[in-house]
């Protein structure tokens, strides 16, 4: 049996699971999310959790009451602004071989309700998975494309100019 739990400050169960959740969030940063420094992400979650900050949206999946097998981490964006525009799901990770399709529906409903409680009407997700699958299963649509380019050391060369 798999149970989903929202980790909030006012829950004794949440305090018991938080060290494992923080470890998992850090591992996610290392394994998938090269744009977030692991210690910064863990510190943000730890502070928001201990303060009871409503910006923290953190759910975990627990198998047989003792194994953390999945999590979702979300928060409103821009996080430091007085006016939020959307809710960003920064991390969504399920252990290999664990089928959370049934539980995931309930978690996404909980994330929707939480976003609505913050006055937000839109969810964005950063996915390292197939975007077509996310669209089919959860109703997300591609919005923008994140592109990356390394900063040249020197001198800067115009990529349109060809070889120098």
N, C-alpha and C. Protein backbone atom coordinates (compact mmCIF):
# COMPACT_ATOMS: atom_id res chain seq x y z
N UNK A 1 0.83 -1.18 0.00
CA UNK A 1 0.00 0.00 0.00
C UNK A 1 0.88 1.25 0.00
N UNK A 2 0.49 2.24 -0.79
CA UNK A 2 1.23 3.50 -0.86
C UNK A 2 0.32 4.63 -0.38
N UNK A 3 0.86 5.42 0.52
CA UNK A 3 0.14 6.56 1.09
C UNK A 3 0.86 7.84 0.66
N UNK A 4 0.10 8.86 0.30
CA UNK A 4 0.71 10.16 0.02
C UNK A 4 0.46 11.07 1.22
N UNK A 5 1.49 11.84 1.56
CA UNK A 5 1.45 12.69 2.74
C UNK A 5 1.96 14.07 2.35
N UNK A 6 1.19 15.11 2.69
CA UNK A 6 1.69 16.47 2.51
C UNK A 6 2.52 16.82 3.74
N UNK A 7 3.73 17.28 3.51
CA UNK A 7 4.60 17.65 4.62
C UNK A 7 4.40 19.11 4.98
N UNK A 8 3.78 19.31 6.15
CA UNK A 8 3.51 20.64 6.67
C UNK A 8 3.94 20.69 8.13
N UNK A 9 4.30 21.86 8.59
CA UNK A 9 4.83 22.07 9.93
C UNK A 9 3.93 21.55 11.04
N UNK A 10 2.63 21.66 10.88
CA UNK A 10 1.70 21.31 11.96
C UNK A 10 1.41 19.81 12.06
N UNK A 11 2.14 18.99 11.34
CA UNK A 11 1.92 17.55 11.35
C UNK A 11 3.12 16.82 11.96
N UNK A 12 2.89 16.07 13.03
CA UNK A 12 3.96 15.29 13.66
C UNK A 12 4.54 14.26 12.68
N UNK A 13 3.68 13.68 11.87
CA UNK A 13 4.14 12.71 10.87
C UNK A 13 5.10 13.38 9.89
N UNK A 14 4.80 14.62 9.51
CA UNK A 14 5.67 15.35 8.57
C UNK A 14 7.06 15.56 9.16
N UNK A 15 7.13 15.89 10.44
CA UNK A 15 8.44 16.10 11.08
C UNK A 15 9.26 14.81 11.05
N UNK A 16 8.61 13.69 11.21
CA UNK A 16 9.31 12.41 11.19
C UNK A 16 9.88 12.09 9.81
N UNK A 17 9.17 12.47 8.75
CA UNK A 17 9.60 12.16 7.40
C UNK A 17 10.53 13.22 6.80
N UNK A 18 10.57 14.42 7.39
CA UNK A 18 11.31 15.52 6.77
C UNK A 18 12.79 15.22 6.53
N UNK A 19 13.55 14.61 7.45
CA UNK A 19 14.97 14.34 7.13
C UNK A 19 15.15 13.49 5.87
N UNK A 20 14.31 12.48 5.69
CA UNK A 20 14.42 11.66 4.48
C UNK A 20 13.98 12.43 3.24
N UNK A 21 12.97 13.27 3.40
CA UNK A 21 12.52 14.09 2.27
C UNK A 21 13.62 15.07 1.85
N UNK A 22 14.29 15.69 2.81
CA UNK A 22 15.37 16.62 2.48
C UNK A 22 16.52 15.91 1.77
N UNK A 23 16.84 14.72 2.21
CA UNK A 23 17.87 13.94 1.55
C UNK A 23 17.48 13.63 0.11
N UNK A 24 16.24 13.29 -0.09
CA UNK A 24 15.74 12.96 -1.43
C UNK A 24 15.75 14.19 -2.34
N UNK A 25 15.35 15.35 -1.80
CA UNK A 25 15.37 16.61 -2.56
C UNK A 25 16.81 16.93 -2.99
N UNK A 26 17.75 16.74 -2.09
CA UNK A 26 19.15 16.98 -2.41
C UNK A 26 19.64 16.02 -3.51
N UNK A 27 19.29 14.74 -3.39
CA UNK A 27 19.69 13.77 -4.41
C UNK A 27 19.09 14.11 -5.77
N UNK A 28 17.84 14.58 -5.78
CA UNK A 28 17.22 14.97 -7.04
C UNK A 28 18.03 16.08 -7.70
N UNK A 29 18.43 17.09 -6.91
CA UNK A 29 19.23 18.18 -7.46
C UNK A 29 20.51 17.67 -8.10
N UNK A 30 21.15 16.73 -7.44
CA UNK A 30 22.41 16.19 -7.95
C UNK A 30 22.17 15.35 -9.21
N UNK A 31 21.14 14.52 -9.19
CA UNK A 31 20.92 13.59 -10.30
C UNK A 31 20.24 14.21 -11.52
N UNK A 32 19.36 15.19 -11.31
CA UNK A 32 18.58 15.71 -12.43
C UNK A 32 18.68 17.21 -12.65
N UNK A 33 18.69 17.98 -11.59
CA UNK A 33 18.43 19.40 -11.69
C UNK A 33 19.70 20.21 -11.51
N UNK A 34 20.46 20.33 -12.53
CA UNK A 34 21.75 21.01 -12.42
C UNK A 34 21.61 22.52 -12.24
N UNK A 35 20.41 23.07 -12.37
CA UNK A 35 20.21 24.50 -12.19
C UNK A 35 19.99 24.90 -10.74
N UNK A 36 19.76 23.96 -9.85
CA UNK A 36 19.56 24.24 -8.44
C UNK A 36 20.73 23.66 -7.64
N UNK A 37 21.32 24.50 -6.81
CA UNK A 37 22.36 23.98 -5.93
C UNK A 37 21.69 23.17 -4.83
N UNK A 38 22.12 21.94 -4.61
CA UNK A 38 21.45 21.08 -3.64
C UNK A 38 21.30 21.70 -2.26
N UNK A 39 22.34 22.31 -1.74
CA UNK A 39 22.26 22.88 -0.39
C UNK A 39 21.30 24.05 -0.33
N UNK A 40 21.20 24.85 -1.42
CA UNK A 40 20.25 25.96 -1.43
C UNK A 40 18.81 25.46 -1.44
N UNK A 41 18.54 24.45 -2.24
CA UNK A 41 17.19 23.90 -2.31
C UNK A 41 16.78 23.30 -0.97
N UNK A 42 17.67 22.52 -0.36
CA UNK A 42 17.38 21.90 0.93
C UNK A 42 17.16 22.97 1.99
N UNK A 43 17.97 24.00 1.98
CA UNK A 43 17.82 25.07 2.98
C UNK A 43 16.49 25.81 2.81
N UNK A 44 16.10 26.09 1.56
CA UNK A 44 14.82 26.75 1.32
C UNK A 44 13.68 25.90 1.87
N UNK A 45 13.68 24.62 1.56
CA UNK A 45 12.61 23.73 2.02
C UNK A 45 12.62 23.63 3.55
N UNK A 46 13.80 23.48 4.13
CA UNK A 46 13.90 23.37 5.58
C UNK A 46 13.35 24.62 6.28
N UNK A 47 13.74 25.79 5.80
CA UNK A 47 13.27 27.04 6.41
C UNK A 47 11.78 27.21 6.22
N UNK A 48 11.28 27.02 4.99
CA UNK A 48 9.85 27.18 4.76
C UNK A 48 9.04 26.19 5.58
N UNK A 49 9.52 24.95 5.69
CA UNK A 49 8.81 23.94 6.49
C UNK A 49 8.79 24.35 7.96
N UNK A 50 9.93 24.70 8.52
CA UNK A 50 9.99 25.02 9.95
C UNK A 50 9.22 26.29 10.29
N UNK A 51 9.06 27.19 9.32
CA UNK A 51 8.29 28.42 9.55
C UNK A 51 6.80 28.23 9.26
N UNK A 52 6.44 27.13 8.65
CA UNK A 52 5.06 26.94 8.24
C UNK A 52 4.67 27.83 7.08
N UNK A 53 5.62 28.13 6.24
CA UNK A 53 5.41 29.02 5.10
C UNK A 53 4.45 28.38 4.09
N UNK A 54 3.38 29.07 3.72
CA UNK A 54 2.42 28.48 2.77
C UNK A 54 2.97 28.29 1.37
N UNK A 55 4.13 28.86 1.07
CA UNK A 55 4.73 28.68 -0.26
C UNK A 55 5.25 27.27 -0.49
N UNK A 56 5.46 26.50 0.59
CA UNK A 56 6.01 25.16 0.44
C UNK A 56 4.91 24.16 0.09
N UNK A 57 5.03 23.57 -1.09
CA UNK A 57 4.17 22.48 -1.50
C UNK A 57 5.02 21.23 -1.62
N UNK A 58 4.95 20.36 -0.63
CA UNK A 58 5.79 19.17 -0.61
C UNK A 58 4.95 17.96 -0.22
N UNK A 59 4.89 16.99 -1.12
CA UNK A 59 4.15 15.75 -0.89
C UNK A 59 5.13 14.60 -1.06
N UNK A 60 4.94 13.56 -0.25
CA UNK A 60 5.77 12.35 -0.39
C UNK A 60 4.86 11.15 -0.58
N UNK A 61 5.42 10.11 -1.16
CA UNK A 61 4.73 8.82 -1.30
C UNK A 61 5.49 7.82 -0.44
N UNK A 62 4.74 7.14 0.45
CA UNK A 62 5.34 6.21 1.39
C UNK A 62 4.73 4.83 1.18
N UNK A 63 5.58 3.84 0.94
CA UNK A 63 5.12 2.47 0.75
C UNK A 63 5.20 1.72 2.06
N UNK A 64 4.09 1.03 2.39
CA UNK A 64 3.99 0.19 3.58
C UNK A 64 4.39 0.92 4.86
N UNK A 65 4.15 2.23 4.89
CA UNK A 65 4.40 3.01 6.09
C UNK A 65 5.85 3.23 6.46
N UNK A 66 6.78 2.76 5.61
CA UNK A 66 8.18 2.88 6.01
C UNK A 66 9.18 3.20 4.91
N UNK A 67 8.76 3.22 3.66
CA UNK A 67 9.71 3.48 2.57
C UNK A 67 9.25 4.69 1.76
N UNK A 68 10.07 5.75 1.74
CA UNK A 68 9.76 6.93 0.93
C UNK A 68 10.11 6.59 -0.52
N UNK A 69 9.10 6.56 -1.40
CA UNK A 69 9.32 6.10 -2.78
C UNK A 69 9.02 7.16 -3.83
N UNK A 70 8.61 8.35 -3.41
CA UNK A 70 8.34 9.40 -4.38
C UNK A 70 8.10 10.73 -3.68
N UNK A 71 8.24 11.81 -4.45
CA UNK A 71 7.94 13.13 -3.90
C UNK A 71 7.64 14.11 -5.01
N UNK A 72 6.92 15.17 -4.63
CA UNK A 72 6.69 16.34 -5.48
C UNK A 72 7.02 17.56 -4.64
N UNK A 73 7.80 18.47 -5.21
CA UNK A 73 8.15 19.73 -4.57
C UNK A 73 7.70 20.86 -5.47
N UNK A 74 6.89 21.75 -4.93
CA UNK A 74 6.37 22.87 -5.72
C UNK A 74 6.36 24.14 -4.87
N UNK A 75 6.35 25.27 -5.56
CA UNK A 75 6.19 26.56 -4.87
C UNK A 75 5.74 27.61 -5.88
N UNK A 76 5.15 28.71 -5.37
CA UNK A 76 4.73 29.77 -6.28
C UNK A 76 5.95 30.52 -6.81
N UNK A 77 5.80 31.08 -7.98
CA UNK A 77 6.88 31.84 -8.61
C UNK A 77 6.36 33.20 -9.05
N UNK A 78 7.19 34.19 -9.08
CA UNK A 78 8.53 34.23 -8.53
C UNK A 78 8.48 34.14 -7.00
N UNK A 79 9.31 33.27 -6.44
CA UNK A 79 9.22 32.92 -5.01
C UNK A 79 9.39 34.12 -4.10
N UNK A 80 10.24 35.06 -4.43
CA UNK A 80 10.48 36.20 -3.55
C UNK A 80 9.62 37.41 -3.84
N UNK A 81 8.74 37.31 -4.80
CA UNK A 81 7.92 38.47 -5.19
C UNK A 81 6.66 38.57 -4.34
N UNK A 82 6.11 39.76 -4.27
CA UNK A 82 4.86 39.95 -3.52
C UNK A 82 3.65 39.47 -4.32
N UNK A 83 3.77 39.43 -5.64
CA UNK A 83 2.68 38.96 -6.49
C UNK A 83 3.15 37.73 -7.26
N UNK A 84 2.60 36.57 -6.91
CA UNK A 84 2.96 35.34 -7.60
C UNK A 84 2.17 35.22 -8.89
N UNK A 85 2.75 34.54 -9.88
CA UNK A 85 2.09 34.40 -11.17
C UNK A 85 1.65 32.97 -11.46
N UNK A 86 2.35 31.99 -10.93
CA UNK A 86 2.02 30.59 -11.20
C UNK A 86 2.68 29.72 -10.14
N UNK A 87 2.32 28.47 -10.15
CA UNK A 87 2.93 27.48 -9.25
C UNK A 87 3.87 26.62 -10.09
N UNK A 88 5.11 26.51 -9.63
CA UNK A 88 6.12 25.72 -10.33
C UNK A 88 6.36 24.41 -9.59
N UNK A 89 6.17 23.31 -10.29
CA UNK A 89 6.54 22.00 -9.74
C UNK A 89 8.00 21.81 -10.13
N UNK A 90 8.89 21.95 -9.15
CA UNK A 90 10.33 21.88 -9.41
C UNK A 90 10.85 20.46 -9.45
N UNK A 91 10.26 19.61 -8.63
CA UNK A 91 10.72 18.23 -8.57
C UNK A 91 9.53 17.29 -8.51
N UNK A 92 9.58 16.24 -9.30
CA UNK A 92 8.60 15.15 -9.24
C UNK A 92 9.40 13.88 -9.54
N UNK A 93 9.53 13.02 -8.54
CA UNK A 93 10.42 11.87 -8.68
C UNK A 93 9.81 10.66 -8.00
N UNK A 94 9.75 9.59 -8.75
CA UNK A 94 9.26 8.30 -8.24
C UNK A 94 10.38 7.28 -8.43
N UNK A 95 10.59 6.45 -7.43
CA UNK A 95 11.63 5.43 -7.52
C UNK A 95 11.34 4.47 -8.69
N UNK A 96 12.39 3.98 -9.33
CA UNK A 96 12.20 3.01 -10.43
C UNK A 96 11.41 1.79 -9.94
N UNK A 97 10.51 1.34 -10.78
CA UNK A 97 9.72 0.15 -10.48
C UNK A 97 8.51 0.39 -9.59
N UNK A 98 8.31 1.62 -9.15
CA UNK A 98 7.15 1.95 -8.30
C UNK A 98 6.07 2.54 -9.19
N UNK A 99 4.88 1.97 -9.13
CA UNK A 99 3.74 2.45 -9.93
C UNK A 99 2.87 3.35 -9.06
N UNK A 100 2.92 4.63 -9.33
CA UNK A 100 2.14 5.60 -8.55
C UNK A 100 1.03 6.25 -9.38
N UNK A 101 0.62 5.61 -10.47
CA UNK A 101 -0.38 6.25 -11.32
C UNK A 101 -1.66 6.58 -10.56
N UNK A 102 -2.16 5.66 -9.75
CA UNK A 102 -3.39 5.91 -8.99
C UNK A 102 -3.17 7.02 -7.96
N UNK A 103 -2.08 6.95 -7.21
CA UNK A 103 -1.79 7.94 -6.19
C UNK A 103 -1.46 9.30 -6.80
N UNK A 104 -0.82 9.30 -7.97
CA UNK A 104 -0.42 10.55 -8.61
C UNK A 104 -1.63 11.41 -8.95
N UNK A 105 -2.74 10.79 -9.32
CA UNK A 105 -3.95 11.56 -9.60
C UNK A 105 -4.36 12.35 -8.36
N UNK A 106 -4.37 11.71 -7.21
CA UNK A 106 -4.72 12.39 -5.96
C UNK A 106 -3.72 13.47 -5.59
N UNK A 107 -2.45 13.23 -5.85
CA UNK A 107 -1.43 14.24 -5.54
C UNK A 107 -1.60 15.46 -6.44
N UNK A 108 -1.83 15.24 -7.73
CA UNK A 108 -2.03 16.39 -8.62
C UNK A 108 -3.30 17.16 -8.24
N UNK A 109 -4.33 16.47 -7.78
CA UNK A 109 -5.52 17.16 -7.29
C UNK A 109 -5.18 17.99 -6.06
N UNK A 110 -4.35 17.45 -5.17
CA UNK A 110 -3.92 18.19 -3.98
C UNK A 110 -3.08 19.40 -4.35
N UNK A 111 -2.20 19.25 -5.34
CA UNK A 111 -1.38 20.37 -5.80
C UNK A 111 -2.28 21.45 -6.40
N UNK A 112 -3.27 21.04 -7.19
CA UNK A 112 -4.23 21.99 -7.76
C UNK A 112 -4.94 22.77 -6.64
N UNK A 113 -5.43 22.06 -5.63
CA UNK A 113 -6.16 22.70 -4.53
C UNK A 113 -5.24 23.67 -3.77
N UNK A 114 -4.00 23.25 -3.53
CA UNK A 114 -3.03 24.11 -2.86
C UNK A 114 -2.76 25.37 -3.68
N UNK A 115 -2.55 25.22 -4.99
CA UNK A 115 -2.30 26.38 -5.86
C UNK A 115 -3.50 27.32 -5.84
N UNK A 116 -4.71 26.76 -5.91
CA UNK A 116 -5.92 27.60 -5.82
C UNK A 116 -5.97 28.36 -4.50
N UNK A 117 -5.56 27.69 -3.39
CA UNK A 117 -5.59 28.34 -2.08
C UNK A 117 -4.64 29.53 -2.02
N UNK A 118 -3.65 29.56 -2.89
CA UNK A 118 -2.71 30.68 -2.98
C UNK A 118 -3.16 31.73 -3.99
N UNK A 119 -4.32 31.49 -4.60
CA UNK A 119 -4.84 32.41 -5.60
C UNK A 119 -4.24 32.22 -6.98
N UNK A 120 -3.65 31.05 -7.22
CA UNK A 120 -3.00 30.79 -8.50
C UNK A 120 -3.85 29.86 -9.36
N UNK A 121 -3.82 30.10 -10.65
CA UNK A 121 -4.63 29.29 -11.55
C UNK A 121 -3.83 28.53 -12.58
N UNK A 122 -2.51 28.46 -12.40
CA UNK A 122 -1.69 27.80 -13.41
C UNK A 122 -0.55 27.05 -12.75
N UNK A 123 -0.31 25.83 -13.24
CA UNK A 123 0.83 25.01 -12.81
C UNK A 123 1.81 24.90 -13.96
N UNK A 124 3.08 25.02 -13.64
CA UNK A 124 4.15 24.75 -14.59
C UNK A 124 4.99 23.64 -14.00
N UNK A 125 5.55 22.81 -14.85
CA UNK A 125 6.41 21.74 -14.37
C UNK A 125 7.67 21.70 -15.23
N UNK A 126 8.78 21.52 -14.56
CA UNK A 126 10.05 21.28 -15.24
C UNK A 126 10.20 19.77 -15.29
N UNK A 127 10.25 19.21 -16.48
CA UNK A 127 10.33 17.76 -16.59
C UNK A 127 11.57 17.32 -17.32
N UNK A 128 12.14 16.24 -16.84
CA UNK A 128 13.27 15.62 -17.51
C UNK A 128 12.78 14.40 -18.28
N UNK A 129 11.49 14.26 -18.33
CA UNK A 129 10.88 13.12 -19.01
C UNK A 129 10.28 13.56 -20.34
N UNK A 130 9.62 12.67 -21.00
CA UNK A 130 9.00 12.93 -22.29
C UNK A 130 7.85 13.91 -22.13
N UNK A 131 7.95 15.07 -22.80
CA UNK A 131 6.91 16.08 -22.65
C UNK A 131 5.58 15.62 -23.24
N UNK A 132 5.61 14.79 -24.25
CA UNK A 132 4.36 14.29 -24.83
C UNK A 132 3.62 13.41 -23.82
N UNK A 133 4.37 12.61 -23.07
CA UNK A 133 3.75 11.76 -22.04
C UNK A 133 3.14 12.62 -20.94
N UNK A 134 3.81 13.69 -20.54
CA UNK A 134 3.26 14.60 -19.51
C UNK A 134 1.99 15.27 -20.02
N UNK A 135 1.97 15.58 -21.29
CA UNK A 135 0.78 16.20 -21.86
C UNK A 135 -0.39 15.22 -21.90
N UNK A 136 -0.12 13.99 -22.37
CA UNK A 136 -1.18 12.99 -22.46
C UNK A 136 -1.74 12.63 -21.09
N UNK A 137 -0.88 12.35 -20.14
CA UNK A 137 -1.32 11.83 -18.85
C UNK A 137 -1.86 12.89 -17.92
N UNK A 138 -1.20 14.08 -17.88
CA UNK A 138 -1.55 15.07 -16.86
C UNK A 138 -2.08 16.39 -17.41
N UNK A 139 -2.16 16.52 -18.71
CA UNK A 139 -2.75 17.72 -19.29
C UNK A 139 -1.83 18.93 -19.37
N UNK A 140 -0.53 18.73 -19.18
CA UNK A 140 0.40 19.84 -19.35
C UNK A 140 0.63 20.06 -20.84
N UNK A 141 0.93 21.29 -21.21
CA UNK A 141 1.28 21.57 -22.60
C UNK A 141 2.60 22.33 -22.63
N UNK A 142 3.37 22.12 -23.68
CA UNK A 142 4.65 22.82 -23.81
C UNK A 142 4.36 24.30 -23.95
N UNK A 143 5.10 25.10 -23.20
CA UNK A 143 4.86 26.54 -23.19
C UNK A 143 6.01 27.29 -23.83
N UNK A 144 7.19 27.06 -23.35
CA UNK A 144 8.39 27.70 -23.88
C UNK A 144 9.47 26.63 -23.94
N UNK A 145 10.52 26.93 -24.61
CA UNK A 145 11.64 25.99 -24.68
C UNK A 145 12.81 26.62 -23.92
N UNK A 146 13.35 25.88 -22.99
CA UNK A 146 14.53 26.32 -22.27
C UNK A 146 15.74 25.90 -23.08
N UNK A 147 16.55 26.87 -23.44
CA UNK A 147 17.74 26.58 -24.24
C UNK A 147 18.96 26.96 -23.42
N UNK A 148 20.06 26.29 -23.68
CA UNK A 148 21.27 26.51 -22.90
C UNK A 148 22.43 26.72 -23.84
N UNK A 149 23.31 27.61 -23.44
CA UNK A 149 24.53 27.86 -24.20
C UNK A 149 25.62 28.20 -23.20
N UNK A 150 26.78 27.64 -23.36
CA UNK A 150 27.90 27.93 -22.47
C UNK A 150 28.47 29.32 -22.78
N UNK A 151 28.89 30.02 -21.76
CA UNK A 151 29.53 31.31 -21.94
C UNK A 151 30.96 31.05 -22.42
N UNK A 152 31.30 31.69 -23.51
CA UNK A 152 32.64 31.52 -24.07
C UNK A 152 33.65 32.20 -23.16
N UNK A 153 34.84 31.60 -23.08
CA UNK A 153 35.87 32.18 -22.20
C UNK A 153 36.37 33.49 -22.79
N UNK A 154 37.01 33.47 -23.92
CA UNK A 154 37.40 34.67 -24.64
C UNK A 154 38.17 34.27 -25.88
N UNK A 155 38.29 34.96 -26.90
CA UNK A 155 37.40 36.08 -27.20
C UNK A 155 36.05 35.56 -27.67
N UNK A 156 35.03 36.38 -27.61
CA UNK A 156 33.71 35.97 -28.06
C UNK A 156 33.71 35.92 -29.57
N UNK A 157 33.20 34.83 -30.08
CA UNK A 157 33.15 34.65 -31.54
C UNK A 157 31.69 34.62 -31.97
N UNK A 158 31.41 35.31 -33.04
CA UNK A 158 30.07 35.31 -33.59
C UNK A 158 29.82 33.96 -34.22
N UNK A 159 28.80 33.19 -33.70
CA UNK A 159 28.57 31.85 -34.25
C UNK A 159 28.15 31.88 -35.71
N UNK A 160 27.67 33.03 -36.19
CA UNK A 160 27.24 33.14 -37.59
C UNK A 160 28.42 33.42 -38.53
N UNK A 161 29.56 33.80 -37.96
CA UNK A 161 30.71 34.17 -38.78
C UNK A 161 31.48 32.96 -39.30
N UNK A 162 31.25 31.81 -38.73
CA UNK A 162 31.99 30.62 -39.18
C UNK A 162 33.36 30.55 -38.54
N UNK A 163 34.20 29.62 -39.00
CA UNK A 163 35.53 29.45 -38.38
C UNK A 163 36.39 30.70 -38.56
N UNK A 164 37.16 30.99 -37.55
CA UNK A 164 38.04 32.19 -37.57
C UNK A 164 39.42 31.83 -38.04
